[in-house]
């Protein structure tokens, strides 16, 4: 009897061990499968990326997709940086926190500009001064707040609008205050697609029209959440200042844009084409991708211009503030080639508010 019990116990143990090993093997193979198509060096780089940015994925399938996106982005980064080393381009790229996203997912989550026809068909007047400064930087002049992160929300239109408004209020009051993008996201919405759509995209000129009718709260009163599912909580009793009009810059005219930027006395909200995968991973330099010619899909804040004398001949650039956090680009800022046939459509939809 004891021998029978012992034999059964041994069989039971073998069964348990066999199933545990099978389960462990399935888990191991699942983990191996997501790396099976890549070299040890690529896998090590991805693991380092995960560690540095504390990346967490829901399951092995999601991680497998992230690995594929990451390796593709690294290939783009390496290719672009090799062009920079050969002197064929003026900007560098680098791995950053969102280098595990593919281009389409990134554009859907981190852009948010929607083009709308201009209502004012006349050409905006601008002064053709011959003595404009060769260098302009409104951040250094104290009219630009620190870089923010729109996160997974197509709200670049709100950040560009607010950036231009903050500067105009600062000129009026002498105080630079952080205003609320979330206020626009929640309150300036039209679900019939005739207007702005929160985290689904929007347009700066439509935002100005909303501001003319209502007003805006400060960031500390109406903080940013990075989501578009909240009800409007605008407090009219705490509204800051008054917008009574806005200026649209002559389309596709970089000269007009330059004069307007100087005479506005503050930054201008612009729309650009951000479709290039290299732009997603931009690190520094003057972005000069010659095929950046698609219709704008992202909004940013134009804050200056100048020349980079590290290039021969010196390279003219536009200076912009982005809304992807300080880990991207030049601490959240970036430069685009100036007077380069409206590269990235930078002068296609440019505007700024007029405050009372």
Protein backbone atom coordinates (compact mmCIF):
# COMPACT_ATOMS: atom_id res chain seq x y z
CA UNK A 1 0.00 0.00 0.00
CA UNK A 2 2.83 2.40 0.91
CA UNK A 3 4.51 1.63 -2.40
CA UNK A 4 1.32 2.44 -4.32
CA UNK A 5 0.90 5.76 -2.46
CA UNK A 6 4.56 6.63 -3.06
CA UNK A 7 4.22 5.85 -6.74
CA UNK A 8 1.09 7.95 -7.05
CA UNK A 9 2.79 10.81 -5.19
CA UNK A 10 5.76 10.68 -7.55
CA UNK A 11 3.44 10.69 -10.58
CA UNK A 12 1.60 13.69 -9.08
CA UNK A 13 4.86 15.56 -8.52
CA UNK A 14 5.98 14.84 -12.06
CA UNK A 15 2.64 16.12 -13.35
CA UNK A 16 2.98 19.35 -11.35
CA UNK A 17 6.58 19.91 -12.39
CA UNK A 18 5.74 19.22 -16.03
CA UNK A 19 2.91 21.75 -16.04
CA UNK A 20 4.96 24.37 -14.21
CA UNK A 21 7.80 23.94 -16.68
CA UNK A 22 5.35 24.17 -19.58
CA UNK A 23 3.89 27.38 -18.16
CA UNK A 24 7.34 28.83 -17.59
CA UNK A 25 8.35 27.83 -21.09
CA UNK A 26 5.27 29.49 -22.58
CA UNK A 27 6.07 32.68 -20.68
CA UNK A 28 9.72 32.51 -21.69
CA UNK A 29 8.90 31.83 -25.32
CA UNK A 30 6.39 34.67 -25.30
CA UNK A 31 9.05 37.02 -24.01
CA UNK A 32 11.59 35.70 -26.50
CA UNK A 33 9.12 35.98 -29.40
CA UNK A 34 8.89 39.74 -29.15
CA UNK A 35 12.68 40.01 -29.60
CA UNK A 36 13.20 37.11 -32.04
CA UNK A 37 13.66 39.30 -35.15
CA UNK A 38 16.27 41.62 -33.66
CA UNK A 39 19.97 41.55 -32.94
CA UNK A 40 21.30 41.38 -29.36
CA UNK A 41 22.48 44.97 -29.74
CA UNK A 42 18.99 46.13 -30.74
CA UNK A 43 17.42 44.24 -27.85
CA UNK A 44 19.93 45.72 -25.38
CA UNK A 45 19.19 49.22 -26.67
CA UNK A 46 15.45 48.70 -26.25
CA UNK A 47 15.86 47.29 -22.74
CA UNK A 48 17.98 50.33 -21.84
CA UNK A 49 15.29 52.59 -23.32
CA UNK A 50 12.62 50.84 -21.22
CA UNK A 51 14.72 51.25 -18.08
CA UNK A 52 15.59 54.92 -18.59
CA UNK A 53 12.03 55.99 -19.35
CA UNK A 54 10.37 53.50 -16.96
CA UNK A 55 8.24 52.09 -19.75
CA UNK A 56 5.40 49.72 -18.86
CA UNK A 57 3.39 47.77 -21.41
CA UNK A 58 0.05 46.04 -20.89
CA UNK A 59 1.17 42.71 -22.32
CA UNK A 60 3.74 41.04 -24.54
CA UNK A 61 1.82 41.92 -27.71
CA UNK A 62 1.89 45.62 -26.91
CA UNK A 63 5.58 45.39 -26.10
CA UNK A 64 6.26 43.56 -29.35
CA UNK A 65 4.66 46.46 -31.24
CA UNK A 66 6.68 48.95 -29.19
CA UNK A 67 9.90 47.07 -30.00
CA UNK A 68 9.14 47.17 -33.72
CA UNK A 69 8.35 50.89 -33.60
CA UNK A 70 11.47 51.59 -31.57
CA UNK A 71 13.79 49.72 -33.95
CA UNK A 72 12.24 51.50 -36.94
CA UNK A 73 12.70 54.87 -35.24
CA UNK A 74 16.31 54.05 -34.38
CA UNK A 75 16.95 53.27 -38.05
CA UNK A 76 15.48 56.68 -38.98
CA UNK A 77 17.57 58.37 -36.30
CA UNK A 78 20.78 56.68 -37.43
CA UNK A 79 20.10 57.54 -41.08
CA UNK A 80 19.37 61.17 -40.30
CA UNK A 81 22.44 61.56 -38.08
CA UNK A 82 24.63 60.07 -40.78
CA UNK A 83 23.31 62.71 -43.19
CA UNK A 84 24.16 65.36 -40.59
CA UNK A 85 27.72 63.99 -40.23
CA UNK A 86 28.13 64.17 -44.01
CA UNK A 87 26.96 67.78 -44.01
CA UNK A 88 23.83 66.98 -46.04
CA UNK A 89 21.43 68.37 -43.45
CA UNK A 90 21.47 70.78 -40.51
CA UNK A 91 19.69 68.86 -37.75
CA UNK A 92 20.24 65.84 -35.53
CA UNK A 93 17.83 63.33 -34.06
CA UNK A 94 17.88 61.22 -30.90
CA UNK A 95 15.99 58.61 -28.93
CA UNK A 96 13.48 60.12 -26.50
CA UNK A 97 10.49 58.97 -24.45
CA UNK A 98 8.16 58.55 -27.44
CA UNK A 99 10.55 56.71 -29.74
CA UNK A 100 8.46 53.56 -29.26
CA UNK A 101 5.50 55.05 -31.17
CA UNK A 102 4.94 54.69 -34.89
CA UNK A 103 4.44 57.80 -36.98
CA UNK A 104 0.66 57.62 -37.38
CA UNK A 105 -0.05 56.94 -33.70
CA UNK A 106 2.31 59.73 -32.70
CA UNK A 107 0.71 62.25 -35.06
CA UNK A 108 -2.77 61.34 -33.82
CA UNK A 109 -1.74 61.75 -30.18
CA UNK A 110 0.69 64.67 -30.27
CA UNK A 111 -0.41 67.09 -32.96
CA UNK A 112 -3.95 68.44 -33.31
CA UNK A 113 -4.08 71.25 -35.88
CA UNK A 114 -7.13 71.27 -38.17
CA UNK A 115 -7.06 73.65 -41.11
CA UNK A 116 -9.98 76.00 -41.67
CA UNK A 117 -10.52 78.50 -44.53
CA UNK A 118 -9.49 82.04 -43.66
CA UNK A 119 -12.51 84.31 -43.32
CA UNK A 120 -10.53 87.47 -44.00
CA UNK A 121 -9.59 87.41 -47.64
CA UNK A 122 -7.65 90.67 -47.63
CA UNK A 123 -3.90 90.71 -47.22
CA UNK A 124 -2.89 91.74 -43.75
CA UNK A 125 -0.97 94.99 -43.82
CA UNK A 126 2.52 94.95 -42.41
CA UNK A 127 5.28 97.48 -42.19
CA UNK A 128 8.17 96.90 -44.53
CA UNK A 129 10.86 98.28 -42.25
CA UNK A 130 14.38 98.09 -43.56
CA UNK A 131 15.89 98.04 -40.10
CA UNK A 132 14.39 94.93 -38.54
CA UNK A 133 16.78 93.22 -36.09
CA UNK A 134 18.67 90.23 -37.43
CA UNK A 135 17.89 88.34 -34.23
CA UNK A 136 14.65 88.10 -32.27
CA UNK A 137 13.82 85.85 -29.30
CA UNK A 138 10.69 86.57 -27.26
CA UNK A 139 11.59 83.87 -24.75
CA UNK A 140 14.72 85.77 -23.82
CA UNK A 141 12.66 88.96 -23.74
CA UNK A 142 10.37 87.47 -21.10
CA UNK A 143 7.18 87.04 -23.14
CA UNK A 144 7.10 83.24 -23.30
CA UNK A 145 6.19 80.81 -20.51
CA UNK A 146 8.04 77.56 -19.91
CA UNK A 147 7.58 74.55 -22.21
CA UNK A 148 4.61 72.31 -21.46
CA UNK A 149 3.64 68.81 -22.54
CA UNK A 150 0.30 68.27 -24.27
CA UNK A 151 0.69 64.54 -23.63
CA UNK A 152 -1.66 62.13 -25.44
CA UNK A 153 -4.05 64.84 -26.55
CA UNK A 154 -4.33 66.48 -29.97
CA UNK A 155 -4.32 69.93 -28.40
CA UNK A 156 -1.40 71.71 -30.07
CA UNK A 157 -3.91 74.29 -31.38
CA UNK A 158 -4.74 75.25 -27.77
CA UNK A 159 -1.08 75.57 -26.76
CA UNK A 160 -0.27 77.78 -29.75
CA UNK A 161 -3.32 79.97 -29.09
CA UNK A 162 -2.56 80.33 -25.40
CA UNK A 163 1.13 81.05 -26.05
CA UNK A 164 0.30 83.96 -28.34
CA UNK A 165 -2.29 85.26 -25.88
CA UNK A 166 0.02 85.05 -22.87
CA UNK A 167 2.53 87.33 -24.59
CA UNK A 168 -0.07 89.94 -25.58
CA UNK A 169 -1.48 90.03 -22.04
CA UNK A 170 2.09 90.36 -20.70
CA UNK A 171 2.74 93.35 -22.94
CA UNK A 172 -0.50 94.92 -21.77
CA UNK A 173 -0.12 94.29 -18.04
CA UNK A 174 3.62 93.90 -17.55
CA UNK A 175 3.06 90.46 -15.99
CA UNK A 176 3.57 87.12 -17.76
CA UNK A 177 0.96 84.67 -16.47
CA UNK A 178 0.38 81.05 -17.43
CA UNK A 179 -3.07 80.70 -18.99
CA UNK A 180 -5.21 77.58 -19.31
CA UNK A 181 -5.11 75.35 -22.38
CA UNK A 182 -7.59 73.02 -20.69
CA UNK A 183 -10.06 75.90 -20.57
CA UNK A 184 -10.04 75.98 -24.38
CA UNK A 185 -10.09 72.18 -24.71
CA UNK A 186 -13.17 71.83 -22.50
CA UNK A 187 -15.12 74.94 -23.47
CA UNK A 188 -14.33 75.75 -27.11
CA UNK A 189 -15.90 72.63 -28.58
CA UNK A 190 -18.25 71.92 -31.45
CA UNK A 191 -19.38 68.34 -31.93
CA UNK A 192 -20.69 68.95 -35.45
CA UNK A 193 -17.08 69.43 -36.63
CA UNK A 194 -17.67 73.09 -37.52
CA UNK A 195 -15.35 74.24 -34.76
CA UNK A 196 -12.71 72.99 -32.34
CA UNK A 197 -12.82 69.45 -30.97
CA UNK A 198 -10.79 69.34 -27.79
CA UNK A 199 -8.18 66.57 -27.93
CA UNK A 200 -9.38 65.68 -31.43
CA UNK A 201 -7.88 68.83 -32.91
CA UNK A 202 -8.68 72.47 -33.53
CA UNK A 203 -7.72 75.77 -35.09
CA UNK A 204 -6.24 78.87 -33.47
CA UNK A 205 -8.44 81.37 -35.32
CA UNK A 206 -11.60 79.61 -34.11
CA UNK A 207 -10.14 79.70 -30.61
CA UNK A 208 -9.70 83.48 -30.86
CA UNK A 209 -13.37 83.81 -31.81
CA UNK A 210 -14.30 81.89 -28.68
CA UNK A 211 -12.02 84.08 -26.54
CA UNK A 212 -13.61 87.23 -27.94
CA UNK A 213 -17.01 86.00 -26.76
CA UNK A 214 -15.91 84.70 -23.34
CA UNK A 215 -12.45 84.99 -21.83
CA UNK A 216 -9.82 82.73 -20.29
CA UNK A 217 -8.81 81.48 -16.85
CA UNK A 218 -5.30 81.13 -15.50
CA UNK A 219 -3.58 77.74 -15.41
CA UNK A 220 -3.65 77.62 -11.60
CA UNK A 221 -7.44 78.13 -11.68
CA UNK A 222 -8.08 75.70 -14.54
CA UNK A 223 -5.16 73.19 -14.63
CA UNK A 224 -4.19 71.03 -17.58
CA UNK A 225 -5.37 67.40 -17.60
CA UNK A 226 -4.47 66.34 -21.12
CA UNK A 227 -7.91 64.87 -21.84
CA UNK A 228 -10.94 66.20 -23.64
CA UNK A 229 -13.74 64.44 -21.78
CA UNK A 230 -14.47 67.06 -19.12
CA UNK A 231 -17.29 69.57 -18.88
CA UNK A 232 -16.53 73.27 -19.24
CA UNK A 233 -15.62 74.82 -15.88
CA UNK A 234 -14.76 78.32 -17.04
CA UNK A 235 -15.17 80.89 -14.26
CA UNK A 236 -16.12 84.21 -15.86
CA UNK A 237 -15.52 86.11 -12.61
CA UNK A 238 -11.84 85.07 -12.77
CA UNK A 239 -11.36 85.78 -16.48
CA UNK A 240 -8.09 87.50 -17.34
CA UNK A 241 -8.16 90.40 -19.77
CA UNK A 242 -10.17 90.76 -22.95
CA UNK A 243 -9.54 89.67 -26.53
CA UNK A 244 -11.34 91.88 -29.01
CA UNK A 245 -9.83 90.85 -32.35
CA UNK A 246 -7.08 88.88 -34.04
CA UNK A 247 -4.71 89.28 -36.98
CA UNK A 248 -4.21 86.79 -39.79
CA UNK A 249 -0.84 87.04 -41.54
CA UNK A 250 -0.68 86.97 -45.33
CA UNK A 251 -0.57 83.32 -46.33
CA UNK A 252 2.64 81.66 -47.53
CA UNK A 253 4.65 84.86 -47.24
CA UNK A 254 7.67 84.50 -44.96
CA UNK A 255 8.58 88.17 -45.35
CA UNK A 256 5.15 89.17 -44.08
CA UNK A 257 5.53 86.67 -41.24
CA UNK A 258 8.87 88.17 -40.21
CA UNK A 259 7.55 91.74 -40.14
CA UNK A 260 4.40 90.66 -38.32
CA UNK A 261 6.40 88.77 -35.69
CA UNK A 262 8.44 91.86 -34.92
CA UNK A 263 5.58 94.37 -34.92
CA UNK A 264 3.20 92.10 -32.97
CA UNK A 265 5.51 92.53 -30.02
CA UNK A 266 5.09 88.89 -29.14
CA UNK A 267 4.92 85.35 -30.55
CA UNK A 268 2.63 84.22 -33.35
CA UNK A 269 0.65 80.98 -33.49
CA UNK A 270 1.54 78.99 -36.61
CA UNK A 271 0.68 75.67 -38.21
CA UNK A 272 3.32 73.33 -39.64
CA UNK A 273 3.72 69.96 -41.31
CA UNK A 274 5.05 67.56 -38.67
CA UNK A 275 4.64 64.36 -40.70
CA UNK A 276 8.31 63.47 -41.14
CA UNK A 277 9.39 60.60 -38.80
CA UNK A 278 12.69 62.42 -38.25
CA UNK A 279 10.81 65.41 -36.86
CA UNK A 280 9.25 63.14 -34.23
CA UNK A 281 12.77 62.41 -32.98
CA UNK A 282 14.32 65.85 -33.59
CA UNK A 283 17.06 66.72 -31.10
CA UNK A 284 18.85 69.88 -32.25
CA UNK A 285 19.87 72.07 -35.17
CA UNK A 286 17.84 73.63 -37.97
CA UNK A 287 15.17 71.35 -39.35
CA UNK A 288 15.57 71.51 -43.13
CA UNK A 289 13.94 68.38 -44.58
CA UNK A 290 13.22 69.50 -48.17
CA UNK A 291 10.11 67.32 -48.51
CA UNK A 292 8.37 68.96 -45.57
CA UNK A 293 5.63 70.28 -47.84
CA UNK A 294 2.44 68.53 -46.72
CA UNK A 295 -0.58 70.40 -45.39
CA UNK A 296 -0.08 71.48 -41.76
CA UNK A 297 -1.15 69.04 -39.05
CA UNK A 298 0.51 70.54 -35.96
CA UNK A 299 0.44 73.93 -34.28
CA UNK A 300 3.37 75.63 -32.54
CA UNK A 301 4.39 79.03 -31.25
CA UNK A 302 6.72 81.12 -33.42
CA UNK A 303 8.89 83.10 -30.97
CA UNK A 304 11.81 84.40 -33.00
CA UNK A 305 14.31 84.13 -35.81
CA UNK A 306 18.02 84.45 -36.39
CA UNK A 307 21.15 83.02 -38.03
CA UNK A 308 23.24 80.02 -37.00
CA UNK A 309 26.86 80.94 -37.69
CA UNK A 310 28.14 77.42 -37.09
CA UNK A 311 27.13 76.67 -40.69
CA UNK A 312 28.82 78.03 -43.81
CA UNK A 313 27.22 80.16 -45.05
CA UNK A 314 25.27 81.16 -41.92
CA UNK A 315 21.86 79.49 -41.89
CA UNK A 316 18.68 81.51 -41.32
CA UNK A 317 16.11 79.94 -39.01
CA UNK A 318 12.73 80.38 -37.37
CA UNK A 319 12.64 79.67 -33.63
CA UNK A 320 9.56 77.92 -32.24
CA UNK A 321 8.24 76.64 -28.94
CA UNK A 322 6.69 73.18 -29.07
CA UNK A 323 4.34 71.43 -26.63
CA UNK A 324 6.00 68.01 -26.34
CA UNK A 325 7.91 68.60 -23.10
CA UNK A 326 11.51 69.62 -22.44
CA UNK A 327 12.96 66.19 -23.32
CA UNK A 328 12.18 66.77 -26.99
CA UNK A 329 14.29 69.00 -29.22
CA UNK A 330 16.31 71.90 -27.84
CA UNK A 331 14.76 71.74 -24.36
CA UNK A 332 11.31 71.84 -25.92
CA UNK A 333 12.13 74.41 -28.62
CA UNK A 334 13.07 73.83 -32.24
CA UNK A 335 14.31 75.65 -35.31
CA UNK A 336 13.15 75.45 -38.94
CA UNK A 337 14.90 76.81 -42.02
CA UNK A 338 13.78 80.37 -42.75
CA UNK A 339 13.24 81.83 -46.22
CA UNK A 340 13.21 78.32 -47.64
CA UNK A 341 10.07 78.45 -49.79
CA UNK A 342 7.72 78.27 -46.84
CA UNK A 343 9.26 75.04 -45.56
CA UNK A 344 6.78 72.89 -43.61
CA UNK A 345 4.12 75.45 -44.57
CA UNK A 346 5.18 77.60 -41.62
CA UNK A 347 3.62 80.75 -43.12
CA UNK A 348 0.39 79.11 -44.27
CA UNK A 349 -1.77 79.76 -41.21
CA UNK A 350 -0.23 82.33 -38.85
CA UNK A 351 -2.14 84.58 -36.47
CA UNK A 352 -2.10 86.40 -33.13
CA UNK A 353 -4.75 87.98 -30.88
CA UNK A 354 -5.29 91.64 -30.12
CA UNK A 355 -6.13 92.34 -26.49
CA UNK A 356 -7.98 95.22 -24.91
